[in-house]
Amino acid sequence: MIRPILIGLALVALTACETAKGAGRDIQKAGDTITDTAEDVQKKL
């Protein structure tokens, strides 16, 4: 389930980033999403 999300985020990051600053924001959003998903999984355990 996480793998398709990561692939989708990578595609968005590659197509949407025009500058290094934009790339940084996209990578940060991807990291936030991964963190949120990990926290949700931990709560379910």
Protein backbone atom coordinates (compact mmCIF):
# COMPACT_ATOMS: atom_id res chain seq x y z
CA MET A 1 0.00 0.00 0.00
CA ILE A 2 2.82 2.41 0.79
CA ARG A 3 4.72 1.62 -2.40
CA PRO A 4 2.04 3.01 -4.79
CA ILE A 5 1.82 6.13 -2.64
CA LEU A 6 5.58 6.64 -2.84
CA ILE A 7 5.59 6.09 -6.59
CA GLY A 8 2.75 8.58 -7.02
CA LEU A 9 4.52 11.15 -4.86
CA ALA A 10 7.73 10.66 -6.82
CA LEU A 11 5.92 11.24 -10.10
CA VAL A 12 4.28 14.38 -8.76
CA ALA A 13 7.60 15.65 -7.45
CA LEU A 14 9.33 15.04 -10.76
CA THR A 15 6.67 16.73 -12.86
CA ALA A 16 5.77 19.60 -10.55
CA CYS A 17 9.21 20.81 -9.47
CA GLU A 18 10.62 23.70 -11.43
CA THR A 19 13.18 24.90 -8.91
CA ALA A 20 15.27 23.45 -6.12
CA LYS A 21 13.03 25.22 -3.63
CA GLY A 22 9.97 23.58 -5.16
CA ALA A 23 11.69 20.21 -5.04
CA GLY A 24 12.44 20.72 -1.35
CA ARG A 25 8.79 21.47 -0.60
CA ASP A 26 7.64 18.40 -2.54
CA ILE A 27 10.14 16.16 -0.75
CA GLN A 28 9.07 17.58 2.59
CA LYS A 29 5.40 16.87 1.80
CA ALA A 30 6.31 13.31 0.83
CA GLY A 31 8.17 12.89 4.12
CA ASP A 32 5.20 14.27 6.04
CA THR A 33 2.89 11.80 4.29
CA ILE A 34 5.21 8.90 5.10
CA THR A 35 5.41 10.02 8.73
CA ASP A 36 1.63 10.30 9.00
CA THR A 37 1.17 6.84 7.48
CA ALA A 38 3.72 5.33 9.86
CA GLU A 39 2.01 6.94 12.85
CA ASP A 40 -1.37 5.59 11.71
CA VAL A 41 0.08 2.08 11.41
CA GLN A 42 1.63 2.32 14.88
CA LYS A 43 -1.69 3.40 16.39
CA LYS A 44 -3.42 0.38 14.86
CA LEU A 45 -0.89 -2.03 16.40
